[in-house]
Amino acid sequence: MPIDLSRFFVIGISSRALFDLSNEDRIFRDQGLKAFSDYQLEHEDDVLPKGTGFALTEAILRLNSVVPGKRKAEVVVMSRNGANTSLRIFNSIEHYGLDITRAALAGGAQLAPYLDAFDVDLFLSVDEADVQAAANAGIAAGLVHEIPQNGNGTVDQLRVAFDGDAVLFSDESERIYQEQGLDAFLAHEKANARKPLPEGPFAKVLRALAILQEFGETAGQNVIRTALVTARNSPSHERVIRTLREWNVRIDEAFFLGGVSKDKILQAFGAHIFFDDQDVHCQSAAKVVPTARVLARAVEPKPVQAALTVDGSKPRQAVS
């Protein structure tokens, strides 16, 4: 009977996000595909160093040990590499004892079409084009930054931190701030304090983690801890709190910083991953914790009606 991955929390992670392949990437860019392929084959038995997403992957897979025999999470390695150059990845997975059995090796093709096939809930990659394509397809996706100087190595408890606007929530309020300024933003949020914020691209991820939290607590284990780390402050905090209450979702820790740098908070929290849509916040956070930038879903242009049909006549007006 086929396995239904829709019943699991599925992470799709690129090989370059899971392992540190920066040296191999330089060979590919400087010397080309053949040199890269030759290098991978020559070093097939050399274990790859851990990448930015490694600690997160370990912590995610640990959820499957909460109740023996009841798996709740799956990790799929996704790579544009072909099968012939990928044995090093599988050998490294085995070396570290990662419980990963599935992979998508696209052989140079785009990965986005395969995300739905694996029921991926969260996609992590260092390739901006792949992340953008995933975001355009409506999948929560993060562009992984370089390995932090002091990454969190503990796997006893999965710790995930989120920014608010344009991540957990839509960018509706963020746009007001960007276009009209702080005073207009605060006035809008105060006036709409009891109106729940629309969902953002990572709302479903937060909901999934909440379900896994409840599952762990039922089994007597506190396996996940979440945090909201946002530049909002009073009085814009009220709408956020009421929105999470309306969603019936628990955030374990919340930090309304009002412009204070996020990096020290994230380091103290010990995040395995932090998701933010602003590059300036990601750059500073990435120095202390694994960080991924959330890309906005591209707006599809409206189709332009052709001036003439194939037979040369003018097209009929559509019925509205």
C-alpha atoms as a PDB file:
ATOM      1  CA  MET A   1       0.000   0.000   0.000  1.00  0.00           C
ATOM      2  CA  PRO A   2       1.487   3.407  -0.989  1.00  0.00           C
ATOM      3  CA  ILE A   3       2.591   5.712   1.828  1.00  0.00           C
ATOM      4  CA  ASP A   4       0.493   8.865   2.092  1.00  0.00           C
ATOM      5  CA  LEU A   5       2.952  11.659   2.880  1.00  0.00           C
ATOM      6  CA  SER A   6       0.087  14.105   3.406  1.00  0.00           C
ATOM      7  CA  ARG A   7      -0.285  12.564   6.883  1.00  0.00           C
ATOM      8  CA  PHE A   8       3.207  13.748   7.856  1.00  0.00           C
ATOM      9  CA  PHE A   9       4.961  17.059   8.377  1.00  0.00           C
ATOM     10  CA  VAL A  10       7.282  16.968   5.358  1.00  0.00           C
ATOM     11  CA  ILE A  11      10.444  19.034   5.006  1.00  0.00           C
ATOM     12  CA  GLY A  12      12.057  19.255   1.582  1.00  0.00           C
ATOM     13  CA  ILE A  13      15.664  20.331   2.010  1.00  0.00           C
ATOM     14  CA  SER A  14      18.303  20.837  -0.647  1.00  0.00           C
ATOM     15  CA  SER A  15      21.586  18.977  -0.288  1.00  0.00           C
ATOM     16  CA  ARG A  16      23.408  22.327  -0.027  1.00  0.00           C
ATOM     17  CA  ALA A  17      21.177  23.393   2.863  1.00  0.00           C
ATOM     18  CA  LEU A  18      21.643  20.084   4.695  1.00  0.00           C
ATOM     19  CA  PHE A  19      25.398  19.859   4.128  1.00  0.00           C
ATOM     20  CA  ASP A  20      28.153  22.406   3.598  1.00  0.00           C
ATOM     21  CA  LEU A  21      28.843  22.116  -0.132  1.00  0.00           C
ATOM     22  CA  SER A  22      30.354  25.581  -0.516  1.00  0.00           C
ATOM     23  CA  ASN A  23      33.686  24.201  -1.765  1.00  0.00           C
ATOM     24  CA  GLU A  24      31.939  21.952  -4.289  1.00  0.00           C
ATOM     25  CA  ASP A  25      29.774  24.845  -5.440  1.00  0.00           C
ATOM     26  CA  ARG A  26      32.896  26.922  -6.119  1.00  0.00           C
ATOM     27  CA  ILE A  27      34.310  24.114  -8.237  1.00  0.00           C
ATOM     28  CA  PHE A  28      31.071  23.966 -10.216  1.00  0.00           C
ATOM     29  CA  ARG A  29      30.953  27.728 -10.785  1.00  0.00           C
ATOM     30  CA  ASP A  30      34.662  28.168 -11.559  1.00  0.00           C
ATOM     31  CA  GLN A  31      35.439  24.961 -13.451  1.00  0.00           C
ATOM     32  CA  GLY A  32      32.136  23.627 -14.717  1.00  0.00           C
ATOM     33  CA  LEU A  33      29.943  20.555 -14.386  1.00  0.00           C
ATOM     34  CA  LYS A  34      32.551  17.960 -15.407  1.00  0.00           C
ATOM     35  CA  ALA A  35      35.070  19.159 -12.810  1.00  0.00           C
ATOM     36  CA  PHE A  36      32.331  19.131 -10.157  1.00  0.00           C
ATOM     37  CA  SER A  37      31.215  15.624 -11.124  1.00  0.00           C
ATOM     38  CA  ASP A  38      34.788  14.318 -11.141  1.00  0.00           C
ATOM     39  CA  TYR A  39      35.430  15.848  -7.726  1.00  0.00           C
ATOM     40  CA  GLN A  40      32.295  14.291  -6.226  1.00  0.00           C
ATOM     41  CA  LEU A  41      33.186  10.861  -7.585  1.00  0.00           C
ATOM     42  CA  GLU A  42      36.780  11.122  -6.342  1.00  0.00           C
ATOM     43  CA  HIS A  43      35.566  12.141  -2.858  1.00  0.00           C
ATOM     44  CA  GLU A  44      32.564   9.841  -2.726  1.00  0.00           C
ATOM     45  CA  ASP A  45      33.597   8.355   0.621  1.00  0.00           C
ATOM     46  CA  ASP A  46      34.487  11.706   2.219  1.00  0.00           C
ATOM     47  CA  VAL A  47      31.846  12.788   4.713  1.00  0.00           C
ATOM     48  CA  LEU A  48      30.352  16.202   3.998  1.00  0.00           C
ATOM     49  CA  PRO A  49      30.439  18.839   6.772  1.00  0.00           C
ATOM     50  CA  LYS A  50      27.155  19.822   8.390  1.00  0.00           C
ATOM     51  CA  GLY A  51      25.239  22.650   6.738  1.00  0.00           C
ATOM     52  CA  THR A  52      22.919  25.368   8.016  1.00  0.00           C
ATOM     53  CA  GLY A  53      19.867  23.098   8.023  1.00  0.00           C
ATOM     54  CA  PHE A  54      21.521  20.094   9.664  1.00  0.00           C
ATOM     55  CA  ALA A  55      20.570  20.786  13.292  1.00  0.00           C
ATOM     56  CA  LEU A  56      16.988  21.542  12.244  1.00  0.00           C
ATOM     57  CA  THR A  57      16.825  18.269  10.323  1.00  0.00           C
ATOM     58  CA  GLU A  58      18.091  16.305  13.317  1.00  0.00           C
ATOM     59  CA  ALA A  59      15.532  17.955  15.581  1.00  0.00           C
ATOM     60  CA  ILE A  60      12.697  17.355  13.103  1.00  0.00           C
ATOM     61  CA  LEU A  61      13.539  13.661  12.763  1.00  0.00           C
ATOM     62  CA  ARG A  62      13.696  13.277  16.525  1.00  0.00           C
ATOM     63  CA  LEU A  63       9.931  13.872  16.617  1.00  0.00           C
ATOM     64  CA  ASN A  64       9.528  10.341  15.282  1.00  0.00           C
ATOM     65  CA  SER A  65      10.935   8.902  18.509  1.00  0.00           C
ATOM     66  CA  VAL A  66       8.278  10.526  20.713  1.00  0.00           C
ATOM     67  CA  VAL A  67       5.981   7.532  20.379  1.00  0.00           C
ATOM     68  CA  PRO A  68       7.703   4.415  18.980  1.00  0.00           C
ATOM     69  CA  GLY A  69       6.069   3.231  15.783  1.00  0.00           C
ATOM     70  CA  LYS A  70       4.225   6.497  15.143  1.00  0.00           C
ATOM     71  CA  ARG A  71       6.118   8.624  12.653  1.00  0.00           C
ATOM     72  CA  LYS A  72       5.060  12.243  12.413  1.00  0.00           C
ATOM     73  CA  ALA A  73       7.722  13.879  10.255  1.00  0.00           C
ATOM     74  CA  GLU A  74       9.609  13.105   7.068  1.00  0.00           C
ATOM     75  CA  VAL A  75      12.599  14.762   5.433  1.00  0.00           C
ATOM     76  CA  VAL A  76      13.194  14.552   1.690  1.00  0.00           C
ATOM     77  CA  VAL A  77      16.581  15.554   0.281  1.00  0.00           C
ATOM     78  CA  MET A  78      16.060  17.487  -2.939  1.00  0.00           C
ATOM     79  CA  SER A  79      18.883  18.214  -5.343  1.00  0.00           C
ATOM     80  CA  ARG A  80      19.487  19.280  -8.924  1.00  0.00           C
ATOM     81  CA  ASN A  81      22.342  16.773  -8.978  1.00  0.00           C
ATOM     82  CA  GLY A  82      21.956  13.582 -10.928  1.00  0.00           C
ATOM     83  CA  ALA A  83      22.015  10.142  -9.341  1.00  0.00           C
ATOM     84  CA  ASN A  84      25.611   9.419 -10.390  1.00  0.00           C
ATOM     85  CA  THR A  85      27.090  12.270  -8.328  1.00  0.00           C
ATOM     86  CA  SER A  86      24.805  11.866  -5.315  1.00  0.00           C
ATOM     87  CA  LEU A  87      26.292   8.848  -3.527  1.00  0.00           C
ATOM     88  CA  ARG A  88      28.383  11.197  -1.392  1.00  0.00           C
ATOM     89  CA  ILE A  89      25.181  12.754  -0.081  1.00  0.00           C
ATOM     90  CA  PHE A  90      23.705   9.366   0.826  1.00  0.00           C
ATOM     91  CA  ASN A  91      26.982   8.235   2.396  1.00  0.00           C
ATOM     92  CA  SER A  92      27.027  11.368   4.557  1.00  0.00           C
ATOM     93  CA  ILE A  93      23.401  10.828   5.583  1.00  0.00           C
ATOM     94  CA  GLU A  94      24.312   7.308   6.682  1.00  0.00           C
ATOM     95  CA  HIS A  95      27.441   8.501   8.497  1.00  0.00           C
ATOM     96  CA  TYR A  96      25.466  10.956  10.627  1.00  0.00           C
ATOM     97  CA  GLY A  97      22.694   8.439  11.292  1.00  0.00           C
ATOM     98  CA  LEU A  98      19.962  10.618   9.778  1.00  0.00           C
ATOM     99  CA  ASP A  99      16.687   8.765   9.264  1.00  0.00           C
ATOM    100  CA  ILE A 100      16.245  10.006   5.691  1.00  0.00           C
ATOM    101  CA  THR A 101      15.204   7.501   3.045  1.00  0.00           C
ATOM    102  CA  ARG A 102      13.703   9.671   0.298  1.00  0.00           C
ATOM    103  CA  ALA A 103      15.339  11.925  -2.263  1.00  0.00           C
ATOM    104  CA  ALA A 104      14.495  13.819  -5.435  1.00  0.00           C
ATOM    105  CA  LEU A 105      17.492  14.019  -7.765  1.00  0.00           C
ATOM    106  CA  ALA A 106      16.366  16.223 -10.624  1.00  0.00           C
ATOM    107  CA  GLY A 107      19.475  16.032 -12.823  1.00  0.00           C
ATOM    108  CA  GLY A 108      19.595  19.757 -13.530  1.00  0.00           C
ATOM    109  CA  ALA A 109      15.829  20.262 -13.777  1.00  0.00           C
ATOM    110  CA  GLN A 110      13.826  22.575 -11.513  1.00  0.00           C
ATOM    111  CA  LEU A 111      12.725  21.130  -8.184  1.00  0.00           C
ATOM    112  CA  ALA A 112       9.437  23.025  -7.755  1.00  0.00           C
ATOM    113  CA  PRO A 113       7.300  20.594  -9.809  1.00  0.00           C
ATOM    114  CA  TYR A 114       8.262  17.763  -7.447  1.00  0.00           C
ATOM    115  CA  LEU A 115       7.389  19.522  -4.192  1.00  0.00           C
ATOM    116  CA  ASP A 116       3.696  18.741  -4.485  1.00  0.00           C
ATOM    117  CA  ALA A 117       4.482  15.130  -5.427  1.00  0.00           C
ATOM    118  CA  PHE A 118       6.193  14.679  -2.053  1.00  0.00           C
ATOM    119  CA  ASP A 119       3.533  16.718  -0.180  1.00  0.00           C
ATOM    120  CA  VAL A 120       6.236  19.121   1.025  1.00  0.00           C
ATOM    121  CA  ASP A 121       5.058  21.504   3.750  1.00  0.00           C
ATOM    122  CA  LEU A 122       8.321  23.427   4.085  1.00  0.00           C
ATOM    123  CA  PHE A 123      11.092  23.792   1.512  1.00  0.00           C
ATOM    124  CA  LEU A 124      14.595  24.998   2.385  1.00  0.00           C
ATOM    125  CA  SER A 125      17.310  25.757  -0.144  1.00  0.00           C
ATOM    126  CA  VAL A 126      20.282  28.025  -0.807  1.00  0.00           C
ATOM    127  CA  ASP A 127      19.149  28.527  -4.406  1.00  0.00           C
ATOM    128  CA  GLU A 128      17.024  31.662  -4.710  1.00  0.00           C
ATOM    129  CA  ALA A 129      15.385  30.574  -7.971  1.00  0.00           C
ATOM    130  CA  ASP A 130      14.225  27.287  -6.419  1.00  0.00           C
ATOM    131  CA  VAL A 131      12.913  29.054  -3.315  1.00  0.00           C
ATOM    132  CA  GLN A 132      11.070  31.651  -5.404  1.00  0.00           C
ATOM    133  CA  ALA A 133       9.502  28.937  -7.559  1.00  0.00           C
ATOM    134  CA  ALA A 134       8.335  27.112  -4.435  1.00  0.00           C
ATOM    135  CA  ALA A 135       6.880  30.320  -2.958  1.00  0.00           C
ATOM    136  CA  ASN A 136       5.081  31.013  -6.238  1.00  0.00           C
ATOM    137  CA  ALA A 137       3.564  27.545  -5.997  1.00  0.00           C
ATOM    138  CA  GLY A 138       2.122  28.420  -2.577  1.00  0.00           C
ATOM    139  CA  ILE A 139       4.580  26.367  -0.525  1.00  0.00           C
ATOM    140  CA  ALA A 140       6.274  27.773   2.577  1.00  0.00           C
ATOM    141  CA  ALA A 141       9.880  28.228   1.462  1.00  0.00           C
ATOM    142  CA  GLY A 142      13.007  29.724   2.964  1.00  0.00           C
ATOM    143  CA  LEU A 143      16.260  30.893   1.371  1.00  0.00           C
ATOM    144  CA  VAL A 144      18.890  29.519   3.730  1.00  0.00           C
ATOM    145  CA  HIS A 145      21.780  31.779   4.728  1.00  0.00           C
ATOM    146  CA  GLU A 146      25.350  30.711   5.372  1.00  0.00           C
ATOM    147  CA  ILE A 147      26.213  28.556   8.373  1.00  0.00           C
ATOM    148  CA  PRO A 148      26.134  30.672  11.558  1.00  0.00           C
ATOM    149  CA  GLN A 149      29.275  31.214  13.578  1.00  0.00           C
ATOM    150  CA  ASN A 150      27.696  29.596  16.637  1.00  0.00           C
ATOM    151  CA  GLY A 151      24.924  27.277  15.495  1.00  0.00           C
ATOM    152  CA  ASN A 152      22.576  25.548  17.939  1.00  0.00           C
ATOM    153  CA  GLY A 153      23.631  21.900  18.152  1.00  0.00           C
ATOM    154  CA  THR A 154      21.078  20.559  20.635  1.00  0.00           C
ATOM    155  CA  VAL A 155      18.324  18.281  19.321  1.00  0.00           C
ATOM    156  CA  ASP A 156      16.495  17.698  22.608  1.00  0.00           C
ATOM    157  CA  GLN A 157      13.824  20.192  21.633  1.00  0.00           C
ATOM    158  CA  LEU A 158      12.971  21.633  18.224  1.00  0.00           C
ATOM    159  CA  ARG A 159      13.062  25.428  18.452  1.00  0.00           C
ATOM    160  CA  VAL A 160      11.603  27.496  15.617  1.00  0.00           C
ATOM    161  CA  ALA A 161      11.352  31.296  15.551  1.00  0.00           C
ATOM    162  CA  PHE A 162       9.226  33.372  13.179  1.00  0.00           C
ATOM    163  CA  ASP A 163       8.930  37.002  12.206  1.00  0.00           C
ATOM    164  CA  GLY A 164       5.333  38.221  12.066  1.00  0.00           C
ATOM    165  CA  ASP A 165       4.313  40.357   9.084  1.00  0.00           C
ATOM    166  CA  ALA A 166       4.861  38.754   5.653  1.00  0.00           C
ATOM    167  CA  VAL A 167       5.808  35.476   7.398  1.00  0.00           C
ATOM    168  CA  LEU A 168       3.148  34.227   9.829  1.00  0.00           C
ATOM    169  CA  PHE A 169       0.778  36.991   8.759  1.00  0.00           C
ATOM    170  CA  SER A 170       0.173  38.569   5.372  1.00  0.00           C
ATOM    171  CA  ASP A 171       2.117  41.656   4.275  1.00  0.00           C
ATOM    172  CA  GLU A 172      -1.021  43.813   4.395  1.00  0.00           C
ATOM    173  CA  SER A 173       0.104  45.811   7.436  1.00  0.00           C
ATOM    174  CA  GLU A 174       3.742  45.814   6.356  1.00  0.00           C
ATOM    175  CA  ARG A 175       2.748  47.528   3.119  1.00  0.00           C
ATOM    176  CA  ILE A 176       1.007  50.297   5.043  1.00  0.00           C
ATOM    177  CA  TYR A 177       4.182  50.859   7.053  1.00  0.00           C
ATOM    178  CA  GLN A 178       6.358  50.901   3.940  1.00  0.00           C
ATOM    179  CA  GLU A 179       4.071  53.197   1.943  1.00  0.00           C
ATOM    180  CA  GLN A 180       2.634  55.511   4.612  1.00  0.00           C
ATOM    181  CA  GLY A 181       5.024  55.366   7.568  1.00  0.00           C
ATOM    182  CA  LEU A 182       4.974  54.291  11.199  1.00  0.00           C
ATOM    183  CA  ASP A 183       2.170  56.560  12.422  1.00  0.00           C
ATOM    184  CA  ALA A 184      -0.226  55.290   9.735  1.00  0.00           C
ATOM    185  CA  PHE A 185       0.744  51.706  10.521  1.00  0.00           C
ATOM    186  CA  LEU A 186       0.099  52.117  14.264  1.00  0.00           C
ATOM    187  CA  ALA A 187      -3.211  53.870  13.656  1.00  0.00           C
ATOM    188  CA  HIS A 188      -4.312  51.103  11.281  1.00  0.00           C
ATOM    189  CA  GLU A 189      -3.374  48.325  13.712  1.00  0.00           C
ATOM    190  CA  LYS A 190      -5.062  50.048  16.640  1.00  0.00           C
ATOM    191  CA  ALA A 191      -8.247  50.553  14.616  1.00  0.00           C
ATOM    192  CA  ASN A 192      -8.203  46.905  13.521  1.00  0.00           C
ATOM    193  CA  ALA A 193      -6.994  45.403  16.801  1.00  0.00           C
ATOM    194  CA  ARG A 194      -9.947  42.999  16.984  1.00  0.00           C
ATOM    195  CA  LYS A 195      -9.795  42.017  13.313  1.00  0.00           C
ATOM    196  CA  PRO A 196      -7.587  38.924  12.795  1.00  0.00           C
ATOM    197  CA  LEU A 197      -4.630  39.383  10.498  1.00  0.00           C
ATOM    198  CA  PRO A 198      -4.791  37.409   7.231  1.00  0.00           C
ATOM    199  CA  GLU A 199      -2.602  34.321   7.081  1.00  0.00           C
ATOM    200  CA  GLY A 200       0.907  34.610   5.704  1.00  0.00           C
ATOM    201  CA  PRO A 201       3.003  31.988   3.891  1.00  0.00           C
ATOM    202  CA  PHE A 202       4.158  30.281   7.121  1.00  0.00           C
ATOM    203  CA  ALA A 203       0.829  30.170   8.967  1.00  0.00           C
ATOM    204  CA  LYS A 204       0.335  26.535   7.940  1.00  0.00           C
ATOM    205  CA  VAL A 205       3.800  25.639   9.225  1.00  0.00           C
ATOM    206  CA  LEU A 206       2.961  27.150  12.612  1.00  0.00           C
ATOM    207  CA  ARG A 207      -0.323  25.220  12.699  1.00  0.00           C
ATOM    208  CA  ALA A 208       1.473  21.978  11.857  1.00  0.00           C
ATOM    209  CA  LEU A 209       4.018  22.564  14.615  1.00  0.00           C
ATOM    210  CA  ALA A 210       1.181  23.256  17.063  1.00  0.00           C
ATOM    211  CA  ILE A 211      -0.354  19.868  16.240  1.00  0.00           C
ATOM    212  CA  LEU A 212       3.009  18.173  16.740  1.00  0.00           C
ATOM    213  CA  GLN A 213       3.424  20.046  20.032  1.00  0.00           C
ATOM    214  CA  GLU A 214       0.103  18.693  21.259  1.00  0.00           C
ATOM    215  CA  PHE A 215       1.036  15.184  20.150  1.00  0.00           C
ATOM    216  CA  GLY A 216       4.312  15.373  22.070  1.00  0.00           C
ATOM    217  CA  GLU A 217       2.697  16.747  25.210  1.00  0.00           C
ATOM    218  CA  THR A 218       0.096  13.977  25.116  1.00  0.00           C
ATOM    219  CA  ALA A 219       3.025  11.568  25.211  1.00  0.00           C
ATOM    220  CA  GLY A 220       4.530  13.503  28.117  1.00  0.00           C
ATOM    221  CA  GLN A 221       7.314  15.186  26.122  1.00  0.00           C
ATOM    222  CA  ASN A 222       7.880  18.871  25.383  1.00  0.00           C
ATOM    223  CA  VAL A 223       9.507  18.374  21.975  1.00  0.00           C
ATOM    224  CA  ILE A 224       8.819  21.721  20.251  1.00  0.00           C
ATOM    225  CA  ARG A 225       9.077  25.336  21.322  1.00  0.00           C
ATOM    226  CA  THR A 226       8.111  28.256  19.093  1.00  0.00           C
ATOM    227  CA  ALA A 227       8.792  31.968  19.256  1.00  0.00           C
ATOM    228  CA  LEU A 228       7.493  35.105  17.571  1.00  0.00           C
ATOM    229  CA  VAL A 229      10.256  37.686  17.139  1.00  0.00           C
ATOM    230  CA  THR A 230       8.787  40.811  15.596  1.00  0.00           C
ATOM    231  CA  ALA A 231       9.692  44.480  15.186  1.00  0.00           C
ATOM    232  CA  ARG A 232       6.141  45.354  16.275  1.00  0.00           C
ATOM    233  CA  ASN A 233       5.582  46.944  19.660  1.00  0.00           C
ATOM    234  CA  SER A 234       2.705  48.475  21.617  1.00  0.00           C
ATOM    235  CA  PRO A 235       0.014  49.293  20.517  1.00  0.00           C
ATOM    236  CA  SER A 236       0.370  47.003  17.480  1.00  0.00           C
ATOM    237  CA  HIS A 237       0.904  43.940  19.687  1.00  0.00           C
ATOM    238  CA  GLU A 238      -2.793  43.505  20.477  1.00  0.00           C
ATOM    239  CA  ARG A 239      -3.834  42.516  16.966  1.00  0.00           C
ATOM    240  CA  VAL A 240      -1.105  39.857  16.838  1.00  0.00           C
ATOM    241  CA  ILE A 241      -2.155  38.301  20.153  1.00  0.00           C
ATOM    242  CA  ARG A 242      -5.825  38.293  19.195  1.00  0.00           C
ATOM    243  CA  THR A 243      -5.005  36.784  15.787  1.00  0.00           C
ATOM    244  CA  LEU A 244      -3.123  33.846  17.312  1.00  0.00           C
ATOM    245  CA  ARG A 245      -5.989  33.392  19.752  1.00  0.00           C
ATOM    246  CA  GLU A 246      -8.461  33.362  16.859  1.00  0.00           C
ATOM    247  CA  TRP A 247      -6.338  30.747  15.075  1.00  0.00           C
ATOM    248  CA  ASN A 248      -6.278  28.683  18.287  1.00  0.00           C
ATOM    249  CA  VAL A 249      -2.510  28.436  17.931  1.00  0.00           C
ATOM    250  CA  ARG A 250      -0.041  28.750  20.778  1.00  0.00           C
ATOM    251  CA  ILE A 251       3.226  30.644  20.525  1.00  0.00           C
ATOM    252  CA  ASP A 252       5.450  29.737  23.460  1.00  0.00           C
ATOM    253  CA  GLU A 253       7.485  32.934  23.521  1.00  0.00           C
ATOM    254  CA  ALA A 254       6.785  36.331  21.967  1.00  0.00           C
ATOM    255  CA  PHE A 255       9.110  39.299  21.629  1.00  0.00           C
ATOM    256  CA  PHE A 256       7.781  42.703  20.528  1.00  0.00           C
ATOM    257  CA  LEU A 257      11.051  44.517  19.909  1.00  0.00           C
ATOM    258  CA  GLY A 258      10.074  47.885  18.468  1.00  0.00           C
ATOM    259  CA  GLY A 259      13.243  48.175  16.408  1.00  0.00           C
ATOM    260  CA  VAL A 260      15.662  46.428  18.801  1.00  0.00           C
ATOM    261  CA  SER A 261      18.020  44.010  17.027  1.00  0.00           C
ATOM    262  CA  LYS A 262      16.725  40.446  16.882  1.00  0.00           C
ATOM    263  CA  ASP A 263      20.010  38.548  16.954  1.00  0.00           C
ATOM    264  CA  LYS A 264      20.607  38.451  20.716  1.00  0.00           C
ATOM    265  CA  ILE A 265      17.017  37.379  21.362  1.00  0.00           C
ATOM    266  CA  LEU A 266      17.334  34.573  18.818  1.00  0.00           C
ATOM    267  CA  GLN A 267      20.645  33.437  20.252  1.00  0.00           C
ATOM    268  CA  ALA A 268      19.182  33.345  23.760  1.00  0.00           C
ATOM    269  CA  PHE A 269      16.158  31.408  22.462  1.00  0.00           C
ATOM    270  CA  GLY A 270      18.473  28.926  20.738  1.00  0.00           C
ATOM    271  CA  ALA A 271      16.584  28.751  17.444  1.00  0.00           C
ATOM    272  CA  HIS A 272      17.274  25.853  15.112  1.00  0.00           C
ATOM    273  CA  ILE A 273      15.870  28.107  12.385  1.00  0.00           C
ATOM    274  CA  PHE A 274      14.563  31.674  12.154  1.00  0.00           C
ATOM    275  CA  PHE A 275      12.303  32.840   9.338  1.00  0.00           C
ATOM    276  CA  ASP A 276      12.152  36.521   8.366  1.00  0.00           C
ATOM    277  CA  ASP A 277      11.263  38.338   5.161  1.00  0.00           C
ATOM    278  CA  GLN A 278      13.656  41.270   5.642  1.00  0.00           C
ATOM    279  CA  ASP A 279      17.213  40.728   4.440  1.00  0.00           C
ATOM    280  CA  VAL A 280      18.615  43.200   6.978  1.00  0.00           C
ATOM    281  CA  HIS A 281      17.244  41.108   9.854  1.00  0.00           C
ATOM    282  CA  CYS A 282      18.374  37.860   8.245  1.00  0.00           C
ATOM    283  CA  GLN A 283      21.930  39.112   7.788  1.00  0.00           C
ATOM    284  CA  SER A 284      22.383  39.875  11.486  1.00  0.00           C
ATOM    285  CA  ALA A 285      20.467  36.815  12.724  1.00  0.00           C
ATOM    286  CA  ALA A 286      22.433  34.469  10.451  1.00  0.00           C
ATOM    287  CA  LYS A 287      25.595  35.251  12.397  1.00  0.00           C
ATOM    288  CA  VAL A 288      24.236  33.521  15.510  1.00  0.00           C
ATOM    289  CA  VAL A 289      21.452  31.099  14.481  1.00  0.00           C
ATOM    290  CA  PRO A 290      20.437  29.218  11.319  1.00  0.00           C
ATOM    291  CA  THR A 291      18.344  31.661   9.312  1.00  0.00           C
ATOM    292  CA  ALA A 292      16.179  31.561   6.197  1.00  0.00           C
ATOM    293  CA  ARG A 293      14.656  34.463   4.298  1.00  0.00           C
ATOM    294  CA  VAL A 294      11.026  34.213   3.236  1.00  0.00           C
ATOM    295  CA  LEU A 295      10.441  35.379  -0.326  1.00  0.00           C
ATOM    296  CA  ALA A 296       7.206  37.048  -1.367  1.00  0.00           C
ATOM    297  CA  ARG A 297       5.005  35.152  -3.755  1.00  0.00           C
ATOM    298  CA  ALA A 298       5.372  36.693  -7.197  1.00  0.00           C
ATOM    299  CA  VAL A 299       2.255  38.344  -8.580  1.00  0.00           C
ATOM    300  CA  GLU A 300       1.291  36.755 -11.862  1.00  0.00           C
ATOM    301  CA  PRO A 301       0.800  39.348 -14.613  1.00  0.00           C
ATOM    302  CA  LYS A 302      -2.641  39.582 -16.083  1.00  0.00           C
ATOM    303  CA  PRO A 303      -2.861  37.871 -19.480  1.00  0.00           C
ATOM    304  CA  VAL A 304      -2.699  40.294 -22.384  1.00  0.00           C
ATOM    305  CA  GLN A 305      -5.426  39.755 -24.933  1.00  0.00           C
ATOM    306  CA  ALA A 306      -4.033  39.225 -28.420  1.00  0.00           C
ATOM    307  CA  ALA A 307      -4.792  41.935 -30.949  1.00  0.00           C
ATOM    308  CA  LEU A 308      -5.725  39.361 -33.574  1.00  0.00           C
ATOM    309  CA  THR A 309      -6.807  35.723 -33.567  1.00  0.00           C
ATOM    310  CA  VAL A 310      -4.987  33.044 -35.533  1.00  0.00           C
ATOM    311  CA  ASP A 311      -7.139  33.632 -38.611  1.00  0.00           C
ATOM    312  CA  GLY A 312      -6.401  37.363 -38.528  1.00  0.00           C
ATOM    313  CA  SER A 313      -9.791  38.542 -37.238  1.00  0.00           C
ATOM    314  CA  LYS A 314     -10.288  40.622 -34.124  1.00  0.00           C
ATOM    315  CA  PRO A 315     -11.009  38.597 -30.982  1.00  0.00           C
ATOM    316  CA  ARG A 316     -14.489  38.658 -29.508  1.00  0.00           C
ATOM    317  CA  GLN A 317     -14.981  40.472 -26.244  1.00  0.00           C
ATOM    318  CA  ALA A 318     -15.233  38.179 -23.267  1.00  0.00           C
ATOM    319  CA  VAL A 319     -18.543  38.056 -21.462  1.00  0.00           C
ATOM    320  CA  SER A 320     -18.128  39.549 -17.972  1.00  0.00           C
END
